[in-house]
Amino acid sequence: MQFTRRAIIPMMMTVGVIFISSCSKNGVACSDQVDCSTITYTATIKPLVEQKCALSGCHTSYSNYSSLKNIADNGSLYNQVVSSTKMPDGNVSMSCSERAQIECWINSGAPNN
């Protein structure tokens, strides 16, 4: 099969984009290092969710553990916050380190600690 220069360039660009976008550590595409052993629901996740997610007009039900545990268990928390970064929405932003903290908590089974 012979490729023309016109076909090879877009193909190489596509491969490059896929390669670059796949360069993330555990789903969070950043260089921030988070010590997962220090992440707890009470000290880390709950305050983060209250500050970034459980706001008036947003996800107020996520201020309790059981609601957050449910979306952690069904994958939607990971999908919306860690892998796609669709949330938080609006004027609220979440740093890469904060996303990594949520990922650590999810990966450890989302414990109530």
PDB file of N, CA and C in Angstrom:
ATOM      1  N   MET A   1       0.847  -1.167   0.000  1.00  0.00           N
ATOM      2  CA  MET A   1       0.000   0.000   0.000  1.00  0.00           C
ATOM      3  C   MET A   1       0.897   1.235   0.000  1.00  0.00           C
ATOM      4  N   GLN A   2       0.630   2.128  -0.886  1.00  0.00           N
ATOM      5  CA  GLN A   2       1.435   3.320  -1.015  1.00  0.00           C
ATOM      6  C   GLN A   2       0.665   4.537  -0.493  1.00  0.00           C
ATOM      7  N   PHE A   3       1.318   5.299   0.386  1.00  0.00           N
ATOM      8  CA  PHE A   3       0.698   6.492   0.936  1.00  0.00           C
ATOM      9  C   PHE A   3       1.294   7.720   0.262  1.00  0.00           C
ATOM     10  N   THR A   4       0.464   8.682   0.009  1.00  0.00           N
ATOM     11  CA  THR A   4       0.949   9.940  -0.536  1.00  0.00           C
ATOM     12  C   THR A   4       1.297  10.869   0.618  1.00  0.00           C
ATOM     13  N   ARG A   5       2.066  11.850   0.321  1.00  0.00           N
ATOM     14  CA  ARG A   5       2.452  12.833   1.331  1.00  0.00           C
ATOM     15  C   ARG A   5       1.216  13.524   1.905  1.00  0.00           C
ATOM     16  N   ARG A   6       0.228  13.740   1.066  1.00  0.00           N
ATOM     17  CA  ARG A   6      -1.017  14.386   1.472  1.00  0.00           C
ATOM     18  C   ARG A   6      -1.756  13.537   2.519  1.00  0.00           C
ATOM     19  N   ALA A   7      -1.676  12.213   2.429  1.00  0.00           N
ATOM     20  CA  ALA A   7      -2.358  11.324   3.369  1.00  0.00           C
ATOM     21  C   ALA A   7      -1.533  11.104   4.634  1.00  0.00           C
ATOM     22  N   ILE A   8      -0.234  11.120   4.520  1.00  0.00           N
ATOM     23  CA  ILE A   8       0.634  10.821   5.670  1.00  0.00           C
ATOM     24  C   ILE A   8       0.612  11.943   6.703  1.00  0.00           C
ATOM     25  N   ILE A   9       0.635  13.179   6.279  1.00  0.00           N
ATOM     26  CA  ILE A   9       0.692  14.305   7.225  1.00  0.00           C
ATOM     27  C   ILE A   9      -0.517  14.329   8.161  1.00  0.00           C
ATOM     28  N   PRO A  10      -1.762  14.253   7.663  1.00  0.00           N
ATOM     29  CA  PRO A  10      -2.898  14.223   8.599  1.00  0.00           C
ATOM     30  C   PRO A  10      -2.877  12.990   9.513  1.00  0.00           C
ATOM     31  N   MET A  11      -2.409  11.870   8.955  1.00  0.00           N
ATOM     32  CA  MET A  11      -2.338  10.659   9.759  1.00  0.00           C
ATOM     33  C   MET A  11      -1.327  10.829  10.895  1.00  0.00           C
ATOM     34  N   MET A  12      -0.193  11.421  10.612  1.00  0.00           N
ATOM     35  CA  MET A  12       0.825  11.661  11.643  1.00  0.00           C
ATOM     36  C   MET A  12       0.321  12.646  12.683  1.00  0.00           C
ATOM     37  N   MET A  13      -0.416  13.655  12.260  1.00  0.00           N
ATOM     38  CA  MET A  13      -0.960  14.635  13.207  1.00  0.00           C
ATOM     39  C   MET A  13      -1.974  13.963  14.133  1.00  0.00           C
ATOM     40  N   THR A  14      -2.797  13.095  13.593  1.00  0.00           N
ATOM     41  CA  THR A  14      -3.779  12.376  14.404  1.00  0.00           C
ATOM     42  C   THR A  14      -3.092  11.498  15.434  1.00  0.00           C
ATOM     43  N   VAL A  15      -2.074  10.772  15.020  1.00  0.00           N
ATOM     44  CA  VAL A  15      -1.325   9.918  15.945  1.00  0.00           C
ATOM     45  C   VAL A  15      -0.673  10.773  17.033  1.00  0.00           C
ATOM     46  N   GLY A  16      -0.141  11.922  16.662  1.00  0.00           N
ATOM     47  CA  GLY A  16       0.479  12.816  17.638  1.00  0.00           C
ATOM     48  C   GLY A  16      -0.509  13.324  18.673  1.00  0.00           C
ATOM     49  N   VAL A  17      -1.702  13.703  18.222  1.00  0.00           N
ATOM     50  CA  VAL A  17      -2.734  14.185  19.150  1.00  0.00           C
ATOM     51  C   VAL A  17      -3.143  13.067  20.101  1.00  0.00           C
ATOM     52  N   ILE A  18      -3.330  11.873  19.579  1.00  0.00           N
ATOM     53  CA  ILE A  18      -3.701  10.740  20.429  1.00  0.00           C
ATOM     54  C   ILE A  18      -2.599  10.463  21.438  1.00  0.00           C
ATOM     55  N   PHE A  19      -1.359  10.491  20.998  1.00  0.00           N
ATOM     56  CA  PHE A  19      -0.234  10.230  21.893  1.00  0.00           C
ATOM     57  C   PHE A  19      -0.157  11.273  23.002  1.00  0.00           C
ATOM     58  N   ILE A  20      -0.255  12.527  22.652  1.00  0.00           N
ATOM     59  CA  ILE A  20      -0.167  13.597  23.649  1.00  0.00           C
ATOM     60  C   ILE A  20      -1.328  13.541  24.622  1.00  0.00           C
ATOM     61  N   SER A  21      -2.541  13.309  24.134  1.00  0.00           N
ATOM     62  CA  SER A  21      -3.699  13.298  25.022  1.00  0.00           C
ATOM     63  C   SER A  21      -3.709  12.076  25.923  1.00  0.00           C
ATOM     64  N   SER A  22      -2.969  11.035  25.562  1.00  0.00           N
ATOM     65  CA  SER A  22      -2.935   9.849  26.408  1.00  0.00           C
ATOM     66  C   SER A  22      -1.854   9.939  27.470  1.00  0.00           C
ATOM     67  N   CYS A  23      -1.055  10.984  27.447  1.00  0.00           N
ATOM     68  CA  CYS A  23       0.033  11.127  28.411  1.00  0.00           C
ATOM     69  C   CYS A  23      -0.488  11.736  29.703  1.00  0.00           C
ATOM     70  N   SER A  24      -1.122  10.933  30.493  1.00  0.00           N
ATOM     71  CA  SER A  24      -1.591  11.390  31.787  1.00  0.00           C
ATOM     72  C   SER A  24      -1.345  10.289  32.789  1.00  0.00           C
ATOM     73  N   LYS A  25      -1.214  10.674  34.029  1.00  0.00           N
ATOM     74  CA  LYS A  25      -0.986   9.713  35.091  1.00  0.00           C
ATOM     75  C   LYS A  25      -2.319   9.422  35.748  1.00  0.00           C
ATOM     76  N   ASN A  26      -2.813   8.220  35.568  1.00  0.00           N
ATOM     77  CA  ASN A  26      -4.066   7.794  36.184  1.00  0.00           C
ATOM     78  C   ASN A  26      -5.253   8.671  35.808  1.00  0.00           C
ATOM     79  N   GLY A  27      -5.284   9.168  34.599  1.00  0.00           N
ATOM     80  CA  GLY A  27      -6.442   9.913  34.144  1.00  0.00           C
ATOM     81  C   GLY A  27      -6.331  11.421  34.288  1.00  0.00           C
ATOM     82  N   VAL A  28      -5.515  11.904  35.181  1.00  0.00           N
ATOM     83  CA  VAL A  28      -5.369  13.342  35.384  1.00  0.00           C
ATOM     84  C   VAL A  28      -4.178  13.811  34.564  1.00  0.00           C
ATOM     85  N   ALA A  29      -4.437  14.637  33.565  1.00  0.00           N
ATOM     86  CA  ALA A  29      -3.387  15.088  32.653  1.00  0.00           C
ATOM     87  C   ALA A  29      -2.662  16.297  33.227  1.00  0.00           C
ATOM     88  N   CYS A  30      -1.795  16.051  34.186  1.00  0.00           N
ATOM     89  CA  CYS A  30      -0.981  17.121  34.754  1.00  0.00           C
ATOM     90  C   CYS A  30       0.251  16.522  35.394  1.00  0.00           C
ATOM     91  N   SER A  31       1.149  17.370  35.792  1.00  0.00           N
ATOM     92  CA  SER A  31       2.382  16.889  36.394  1.00  0.00           C
ATOM     93  C   SER A  31       2.357  16.966  37.915  1.00  0.00           C
ATOM     94  N   ASP A  32       1.247  17.375  38.492  1.00  0.00           N
ATOM     95  CA  ASP A  32       1.145  17.481  39.944  1.00  0.00           C
ATOM     96  C   ASP A  32       1.233  16.107  40.596  1.00  0.00           C
ATOM     97  N   GLN A  33       2.026  16.005  41.621  1.00  0.00           N
ATOM     98  CA  GLN A  33       2.167  14.766  42.371  1.00  0.00           C
ATOM     99  C   GLN A  33       1.333  14.875  43.641  1.00  0.00           C
ATOM    100  N   VAL A  34       0.485  13.887  43.865  1.00  0.00           N
ATOM    101  CA  VAL A  34      -0.375  13.867  45.043  1.00  0.00           C
ATOM    102  C   VAL A  34      -0.076  12.603  45.822  1.00  0.00           C
ATOM    103  N   ASP A  35       0.152  12.743  47.117  1.00  0.00           N
ATOM    104  CA  ASP A  35       0.361  11.593  47.977  1.00  0.00           C
ATOM    105  C   ASP A  35      -1.002  11.038  48.368  1.00  0.00           C
ATOM    106  N   CYS A  36      -1.395   9.967  47.711  1.00  0.00           N
ATOM    107  CA  CYS A  36      -2.731   9.404  47.922  1.00  0.00           C
ATOM    108  C   CYS A  36      -2.936   8.893  49.348  1.00  0.00           C
ATOM    109  N   SER A  37      -1.869   8.592  50.044  1.00  0.00           N
ATOM    110  CA  SER A  37      -2.017   8.086  51.415  1.00  0.00           C
ATOM    111  C   SER A  37      -2.528   9.156  52.374  1.00  0.00           C
ATOM    112  N   THR A  38      -2.463  10.407  51.968  1.00  0.00           N
ATOM    113  CA  THR A  38      -2.913  11.494  52.841  1.00  0.00           C
ATOM    114  C   THR A  38      -4.344  11.947  52.546  1.00  0.00           C
ATOM    115  N   ILE A  39      -4.966  11.388  51.518  1.00  0.00           N
ATOM    116  CA  ILE A  39      -6.300  11.819  51.096  1.00  0.00           C
ATOM    117  C   ILE A  39      -7.361  11.095  51.917  1.00  0.00           C
ATOM    118  N   THR A  40      -8.197  11.875  52.605  1.00  0.00           N
ATOM    119  CA  THR A  40      -9.328  11.307  53.346  1.00  0.00           C
ATOM    120  C   THR A  40     -10.592  12.047  52.936  1.00  0.00           C
ATOM    121  N   TYR A  41     -11.719  11.390  53.170  1.00  0.00           N
ATOM    122  CA  TYR A  41     -12.991  12.038  52.856  1.00  0.00           C
ATOM    123  C   TYR A  41     -13.178  13.273  53.735  1.00  0.00           C
ATOM    124  N   THR A  42     -12.973  13.120  55.027  1.00  0.00           N
ATOM    125  CA  THR A  42     -13.257  14.195  55.975  1.00  0.00           C
ATOM    126  C   THR A  42     -12.345  15.404  55.792  1.00  0.00           C
ATOM    127  N   ALA A  43     -11.049  15.159  55.642  1.00  0.00           N
ATOM    128  CA  ALA A  43     -10.099  16.272  55.594  1.00  0.00           C
ATOM    129  C   ALA A  43      -9.874  16.841  54.198  1.00  0.00           C
ATOM    130  N   THR A  44     -10.085  16.037  53.171  1.00  0.00           N
ATOM    131  CA  THR A  44      -9.753  16.482  51.816  1.00  0.00           C
ATOM    132  C   THR A  44     -10.969  16.596  50.911  1.00  0.00           C
ATOM    133  N   ILE A  45     -11.682  15.496  50.745  1.00  0.00           N
ATOM    134  CA  ILE A  45     -12.732  15.422  49.732  1.00  0.00           C
ATOM    135  C   ILE A  45     -13.964  16.234  50.118  1.00  0.00           C
ATOM    136  N   LYS A  46     -14.440  16.073  51.335  1.00  0.00           N
ATOM    137  CA  LYS A  46     -15.643  16.799  51.751  1.00  0.00           C
ATOM    138  C   LYS A  46     -15.461  18.318  51.637  1.00  0.00           C
ATOM    139  N   PRO A  47     -14.377  18.891  52.177  1.00  0.00           N
ATOM    140  CA  PRO A  47     -14.199  20.347  52.015  1.00  0.00           C
ATOM    141  C   PRO A  47     -14.065  20.773  50.547  1.00  0.00           C
ATOM    142  N   LEU A  48     -13.407  19.951  49.755  1.00  0.00           N
ATOM    143  CA  LEU A  48     -13.245  20.265  48.339  1.00  0.00           C
ATOM    144  C   LEU A  48     -14.593  20.268  47.625  1.00  0.00           C
ATOM    145  N   VAL A  49     -15.400  19.259  47.879  1.00  0.00           N
ATOM    146  CA  VAL A  49     -16.722  19.166  47.248  1.00  0.00           C
ATOM    147  C   VAL A  49     -17.625  20.293  47.734  1.00  0.00           C
ATOM    148  N   GLU A  50     -17.563  20.610  49.011  1.00  0.00           N
ATOM    149  CA  GLU A  50     -18.387  21.712  49.531  1.00  0.00           C
ATOM    150  C   GLU A  50     -18.002  23.041  48.906  1.00  0.00           C
ATOM    151  N   GLN A  51     -16.723  23.214  48.636  1.00  0.00           N
ATOM    152  CA  GLN A  51     -16.235  24.474  48.067  1.00  0.00           C
ATOM    153  C   GLN A  51     -16.452  24.559  46.556  1.00  0.00           C
ATOM    154  N   LYS A  52     -16.375  23.428  45.862  1.00  0.00           N
ATOM    155  CA  LYS A  52     -16.386  23.447  44.401  1.00  0.00           C
ATOM    156  C   LYS A  52     -17.659  22.891  43.764  1.00  0.00           C
ATOM    157  N   CYS A  53     -18.397  22.038  44.478  1.00  0.00           N
ATOM    158  CA  CYS A  53     -19.519  21.333  43.844  1.00  0.00           C
ATOM    159  C   CYS A  53     -20.863  21.550  44.538  1.00  0.00           C
ATOM    160  N   ALA A  54     -20.873  21.442  45.848  1.00  0.00           N
ATOM    161  CA  ALA A  54     -22.128  21.490  46.609  1.00  0.00           C
ATOM    162  C   ALA A  54     -22.538  22.937  46.875  1.00  0.00           C
ATOM    163  N   LEU A  55     -22.647  23.694  45.822  1.00  0.00           N
ATOM    164  CA  LEU A  55     -22.988  25.110  45.917  1.00  0.00           C
ATOM    165  C   LEU A  55     -24.465  25.306  45.636  1.00  0.00           C
ATOM    166  N   SER A  56     -25.010  26.396  46.083  1.00  0.00           N
ATOM    167  CA  SER A  56     -26.409  26.708  45.803  1.00  0.00           C
ATOM    168  C   SER A  56     -26.641  26.727  44.296  1.00  0.00           C
ATOM    169  N   GLY A  57     -27.620  25.985  43.858  1.00  0.00           N
ATOM    170  CA  GLY A  57     -27.921  25.907  42.441  1.00  0.00           C
ATOM    171  C   GLY A  57     -27.139  24.843  41.710  1.00  0.00           C
ATOM    172  N   CYS A  58     -26.280  24.146  42.419  1.00  0.00           N
ATOM    173  CA  CYS A  58     -25.480  23.091  41.783  1.00  0.00           C
ATOM    174  C   CYS A  58     -25.813  21.741  42.426  1.00  0.00           C
ATOM    175  N   HIS A  59     -24.820  21.099  42.988  1.00  0.00           N
ATOM    176  CA  HIS A  59     -24.970  19.745  43.514  1.00  0.00           C
ATOM    177  C   HIS A  59     -25.020  19.752  45.048  1.00  0.00           C
ATOM    178  N   THR A  60     -26.028  20.379  45.620  1.00  0.00           N
ATOM    179  CA  THR A  60     -26.101  20.499  47.080  1.00  0.00           C
ATOM    180  C   THR A  60     -26.209  19.142  47.766  1.00  0.00           C
ATOM    181  N   SER A  61     -26.748  18.142  47.102  1.00  0.00           N
ATOM    182  CA  SER A  61     -26.874  16.818  47.723  1.00  0.00           C
ATOM    183  C   SER A  61     -25.519  16.136  47.900  1.00  0.00           C
ATOM    184  N   TYR A  62     -24.495  16.612  47.205  1.00  0.00           N
ATOM    185  CA  TYR A  62     -23.170  15.994  47.313  1.00  0.00           C
ATOM    186  C   TYR A  62     -22.442  16.384  48.587  1.00  0.00           C
ATOM    187  N   SER A  63     -23.065  17.183  49.422  1.00  0.00           N
ATOM    188  CA  SER A  63     -22.422  17.550  50.683  1.00  0.00           C
ATOM    189  C   SER A  63     -22.497  16.428  51.707  1.00  0.00           C
ATOM    190  N   ASN A  64     -23.213  15.340  51.384  1.00  0.00           N
ATOM    191  CA  ASN A  64     -23.213  14.198  52.299  1.00  0.00           C
ATOM    192  C   ASN A  64     -22.489  13.015  51.655  1.00  0.00           C
ATOM    193  N   TYR A  65     -21.892  12.201  52.497  1.00  0.00           N
ATOM    194  CA  TYR A  65     -21.040  11.115  52.033  1.00  0.00           C
ATOM    195  C   TYR A  65     -21.767  10.134  51.128  1.00  0.00           C
ATOM    196  N   SER A  66     -22.945   9.682  51.504  1.00  0.00           N
ATOM    197  CA  SER A  66     -23.606   8.624  50.748  1.00  0.00           C
ATOM    198  C   SER A  66     -23.913   9.035  49.304  1.00  0.00           C
ATOM    199  N   SER A  67     -24.311  10.272  49.093  1.00  0.00           N
ATOM    200  CA  SER A  67     -24.576  10.743  47.729  1.00  0.00           C
ATOM    201  C   SER A  67     -23.298  10.777  46.898  1.00  0.00           C
ATOM    202  N   LEU A  68     -22.233  11.251  47.500  1.00  0.00           N
ATOM    203  CA  LEU A  68     -20.962  11.317  46.788  1.00  0.00           C
ATOM    204  C   LEU A  68     -20.406   9.919  46.534  1.00  0.00           C
ATOM    205  N   LYS A  69     -20.554   9.042  47.487  1.00  0.00           N
ATOM    206  CA  LYS A  69     -20.093   7.653  47.333  1.00  0.00           C
ATOM    207  C   LYS A  69     -20.828   6.982  46.175  1.00  0.00           C
ATOM    208  N   ASN A  70     -22.118   7.237  46.032  1.00  0.00           N
ATOM    209  CA  ASN A  70     -22.887   6.653  44.930  1.00  0.00           C
ATOM    210  C   ASN A  70     -22.338   7.060  43.568  1.00  0.00           C
ATOM    211  N   ILE A  71     -22.042   8.340  43.392  1.00  0.00           N
ATOM    212  CA  ILE A  71     -21.533   8.762  42.080  1.00  0.00           C
ATOM    213  C   ILE A  71     -20.067   8.373  41.894  1.00  0.00           C
ATOM    214  N   ALA A  72     -19.358   8.169  43.001  1.00  0.00           N
ATOM    215  CA  ALA A  72     -17.995   7.643  42.886  1.00  0.00           C
ATOM    216  C   ALA A  72     -18.046   6.185  42.430  1.00  0.00           C
ATOM    217  N   ASP A  73     -18.958   5.425  43.013  1.00  0.00           N
ATOM    218  CA  ASP A  73     -19.083   4.003  42.684  1.00  0.00           C
ATOM    219  C   ASP A  73     -19.600   3.755  41.271  1.00  0.00           C
ATOM    220  N   ASN A  74     -20.499   4.608  40.784  1.00  0.00           N
ATOM    221  CA  ASN A  74     -21.046   4.352  39.447  1.00  0.00           C
ATOM    222  C   ASN A  74     -20.198   4.957  38.323  1.00  0.00           C
ATOM    223  N   GLY A  75     -19.103   5.635  38.670  1.00  0.00           N
ATOM    224  CA  GLY A  75     -18.174   6.147  37.668  1.00  0.00           C
ATOM    225  C   GLY A  75     -18.435   7.554  37.187  1.00  0.00           C
ATOM    226  N   SER A  76     -19.574   8.124  37.547  1.00  0.00           N
ATOM    227  CA  SER A  76     -19.870   9.458  37.006  1.00  0.00           C
ATOM    228  C   SER A  76     -18.979  10.541  37.610  1.00  0.00           C
ATOM    229  N   LEU A  77     -18.574  10.404  38.854  1.00  0.00           N
ATOM    230  CA  LEU A  77     -17.667  11.394  39.449  1.00  0.00           C
ATOM    231  C   LEU A  77     -16.337  11.397  38.693  1.00  0.00           C
ATOM    232  N   TYR A  78     -15.803  10.223  38.455  1.00  0.00           N
ATOM    233  CA  TYR A  78     -14.549  10.114  37.703  1.00  0.00           C
ATOM    234  C   TYR A  78     -14.721  10.681  36.289  1.00  0.00           C
ATOM    235  N   ASN A  79     -15.781  10.283  35.623  1.00  0.00           N
ATOM    236  CA  ASN A  79     -15.999  10.714  34.242  1.00  0.00           C
ATOM    237  C   ASN A  79     -16.182  12.222  34.115  1.00  0.00           C
ATOM    238  N   GLN A  80     -16.881  12.836  35.044  1.00  0.00           N
ATOM    239  CA  GLN A  80     -17.172  14.264  34.951  1.00  0.00           C
ATOM    240  C   GLN A  80     -16.062  15.160  35.488  1.00  0.00           C
ATOM    241  N   VAL A  81     -15.317  14.671  36.483  1.00  0.00           N
ATOM    242  CA  VAL A  81     -14.338  15.534  37.143  1.00  0.00           C
ATOM    243  C   VAL A  81     -12.899  15.195  36.770  1.00  0.00           C
ATOM    244  N   VAL A  82     -12.584  13.929  36.675  1.00  0.00           N
ATOM    245  CA  VAL A  82     -11.192  13.523  36.462  1.00  0.00           C
ATOM    246  C   VAL A  82     -10.859  13.355  34.988  1.00  0.00           C
ATOM    247  N   SER A  83     -11.604  12.509  34.287  1.00  0.00           N
ATOM    248  CA  SER A  83     -11.208  12.206  32.913  1.00  0.00           C
ATOM    249  C   SER A  83     -11.645  13.256  31.901  1.00  0.00           C
ATOM    250  N   SER A  84     -12.810  13.862  32.071  1.00  0.00           N
ATOM    251  CA  SER A  84     -13.255  14.831  31.072  1.00  0.00           C
ATOM    252  C   SER A  84     -13.165  16.274  31.553  1.00  0.00           C
ATOM    253  N   THR A  85     -13.051  16.482  32.824  1.00  0.00           N
ATOM    254  CA  THR A  85     -12.996  17.818  33.442  1.00  0.00           C
ATOM    255  C   THR A  85     -14.186  18.692  33.054  1.00  0.00           C
ATOM    256  N   LYS A  86     -15.360  18.079  32.831  1.00  0.00           N
ATOM    257  CA  LYS A  86     -16.572  18.851  32.527  1.00  0.00           C
ATOM    258  C   LYS A  86     -17.071  19.616  33.743  1.00  0.00           C
ATOM    259  N   MET A  87     -16.756  19.101  34.894  1.00  0.00           N
ATOM    260  CA  MET A  87     -17.178  19.743  36.135  1.00  0.00           C
ATOM    261  C   MET A  87     -15.935  20.134  36.928  1.00  0.00           C
ATOM    262  N   PRO A  88     -16.008  21.138  37.718  1.00  0.00           N
ATOM    263  CA  PRO A  88     -17.152  22.007  37.947  1.00  0.00           C
ATOM    264  C   PRO A  88     -17.398  22.927  36.766  1.00  0.00           C
ATOM    265  N   ASP A  89     -18.625  23.343  36.681  1.00  0.00           N
ATOM    266  CA  ASP A  89     -19.091  24.164  35.584  1.00  0.00           C
ATOM    267  C   ASP A  89     -19.208  25.614  36.045  1.00  0.00           C
ATOM    268  N   GLY A  90     -19.280  26.510  35.123  1.00  0.00           N
ATOM    269  CA  GLY A  90     -19.521  27.917  35.458  1.00  0.00           C
ATOM    270  C   GLY A  90     -18.281  28.644  35.920  1.00  0.00           C
ATOM    271  N   ASN A  91     -18.444  29.434  36.976  1.00  0.00           N
ATOM    272  CA  ASN A  91     -17.364  30.291  37.472  1.00  0.00           C
ATOM    273  C   ASN A  91     -16.396  29.573  38.396  1.00  0.00           C
ATOM    274  N   VAL A  92     -16.660  28.321  38.705  1.00  0.00           N
ATOM    275  CA  VAL A  92     -15.822  27.580  39.632  1.00  0.00           C
ATOM    276  C   VAL A  92     -14.805  26.763  38.845  1.00  0.00           C
ATOM    277  N   SER A  93     -13.573  26.778  39.308  1.00  0.00           N
ATOM    278  CA  SER A  93     -12.553  25.958  38.661  1.00  0.00           C
ATOM    279  C   SER A  93     -11.938  25.019  39.683  1.00  0.00           C
ATOM    280  N   MET A  94     -11.341  23.953  39.183  1.00  0.00           N
ATOM    281  CA  MET A  94     -10.706  22.969  40.046  1.00  0.00           C
ATOM    282  C   MET A  94      -9.297  22.739  39.512  1.00  0.00           C
ATOM    283  N   SER A  95      -8.328  22.803  40.399  1.00  0.00           N
ATOM    284  CA  SER A  95      -6.942  22.627  39.979  1.00  0.00           C
ATOM    285  C   SER A  95      -6.658  21.167  39.643  1.00  0.00           C
ATOM    286  N   CYS A  96      -5.561  20.971  38.996  1.00  0.00           N
ATOM    287  CA  CYS A  96      -5.137  19.624  38.653  1.00  0.00           C
ATOM    288  C   CYS A  96      -4.894  18.806  39.928  1.00  0.00           C
ATOM    289  N   SER A  97      -4.316  19.418  40.934  1.00  0.00           N
ATOM    290  CA  SER A  97      -4.080  18.721  42.208  1.00  0.00           C
ATOM    291  C   SER A  97      -5.388  18.303  42.862  1.00  0.00           C
ATOM    292  N   GLU A  98      -6.378  19.152  42.797  1.00  0.00           N
ATOM    293  CA  GLU A  98      -7.686  18.824  43.376  1.00  0.00           C
ATOM    294  C   GLU A  98      -8.333  17.661  42.631  1.00  0.00           C
ATOM    295  N   ARG A  99      -8.211  17.658  41.314  1.00  0.00           N
ATOM    296  CA  ARG A  99      -8.735  16.540  40.524  1.00  0.00           C
ATOM    297  C   ARG A  99      -7.991  15.252  40.863  1.00  0.00           C
ATOM    298  N   ALA A 100      -6.691  15.355  41.056  1.00  0.00           N
ATOM    299  CA  ALA A 100      -5.884  14.183  41.424  1.00  0.00           C
ATOM    300  C   ALA A 100      -6.281  13.663  42.804  1.00  0.00           C
ATOM    301  N   GLN A 101      -6.614  14.562  43.720  1.00  0.00           N
ATOM    302  CA  GLN A 101      -7.072  14.136  45.050  1.00  0.00           C
ATOM    303  C   GLN A 101      -8.368  13.345  44.946  1.00  0.00           C
ATOM    304  N   ILE A 102      -9.290  13.820  44.128  1.00  0.00           N
ATOM    305  CA  ILE A 102     -10.552  13.098  43.932  1.00  0.00           C
ATOM    306  C   ILE A 102     -10.271  11.731  43.310  1.00  0.00           C
ATOM    307  N   GLU A 103      -9.369  11.700  42.349  1.00  0.00           N
ATOM    308  CA  GLU A 103      -9.022  10.433  41.716  1.00  0.00           C
ATOM    309  C   GLU A 103      -8.425   9.455  42.733  1.00  0.00           C
ATOM    310  N   CYS A 104      -7.536   9.928  43.592  1.00  0.00           N
ATOM    311  CA  CYS A 104      -6.962   9.076  44.641  1.00  0.00           C
ATOM    312  C   CYS A 104      -8.039   8.485  45.529  1.00  0.00           C
ATOM    313  N   TRP A 105      -8.974   9.332  45.929  1.00  0.00           N
ATOM    314  CA  TRP A 105     -10.051   8.892  46.810  1.00  0.00           C
ATOM    315  C   TRP A 105     -10.914   7.844  46.120  1.00  0.00           C
ATOM    316  N   ILE A 106     -11.266   8.063  44.870  1.00  0.00           N
ATOM    317  CA  ILE A 106     -12.063   7.098  44.110  1.00  0.00           C
ATOM    318  C   ILE A 106     -11.299   5.776  43.983  1.00  0.00           C
ATOM    319  N   ASN A 107     -10.027   5.862  43.607  1.00  0.00           N
ATOM    320  CA  ASN A 107      -9.212   4.658  43.407  1.00  0.00           C
ATOM    321  C   ASN A 107      -9.014   3.852  44.683  1.00  0.00           C
ATOM    322  N   SER A 108      -9.137   4.513  45.833  1.00  0.00           N
ATOM    323  CA  SER A 108      -9.001   3.782  47.101  1.00  0.00           C
ATOM    324  C   SER A 108     -10.330   3.217  47.581  1.00  0.00           C
ATOM    325  N   GLY A 109     -11.372   3.331  46.763  1.00  0.00           N
ATOM    326  CA  GLY A 109     -12.670   2.785  47.104  1.00  0.00           C
ATOM    327  C   GLY A 109     -13.644   3.791  47.694  1.00  0.00           C
ATOM    328  N   ALA A 110     -13.291   5.067  47.640  1.00  0.00           N
ATOM    329  CA  ALA A 110     -14.124   6.159  48.168  1.00  0.00           C
ATOM    330  C   ALA A 110     -14.531   5.903  49.612  1.00  0.00           C
ATOM    331  N   PRO A 111     -13.545   5.695  50.498  1.00  0.00           N
ATOM    332  CA  PRO A 111     -13.872   5.380  51.902  1.00  0.00           C
ATOM    333  C   PRO A 111     -14.409   6.572  52.672  1.00  0.00           C
ATOM    334  N   ASN A 112     -15.205   6.289  53.704  1.00  0.00           N
ATOM    335  CA  ASN A 112     -15.721   7.327  54.589  1.00  0.00           C
ATOM    336  C   ASN A 112     -14.750   7.439  55.765  1.00  0.00           C
ATOM    337  N   ASN A 113     -13.633   8.078  55.509  1.00  0.00           N
ATOM    338  CA  ASN A 113     -12.589   8.202  56.542  1.00  0.00           C
ATOM    339  C   ASN A 113     -12.286   9.652  56.859  1.00  0.00           C
TER     340      ASN A 113
END
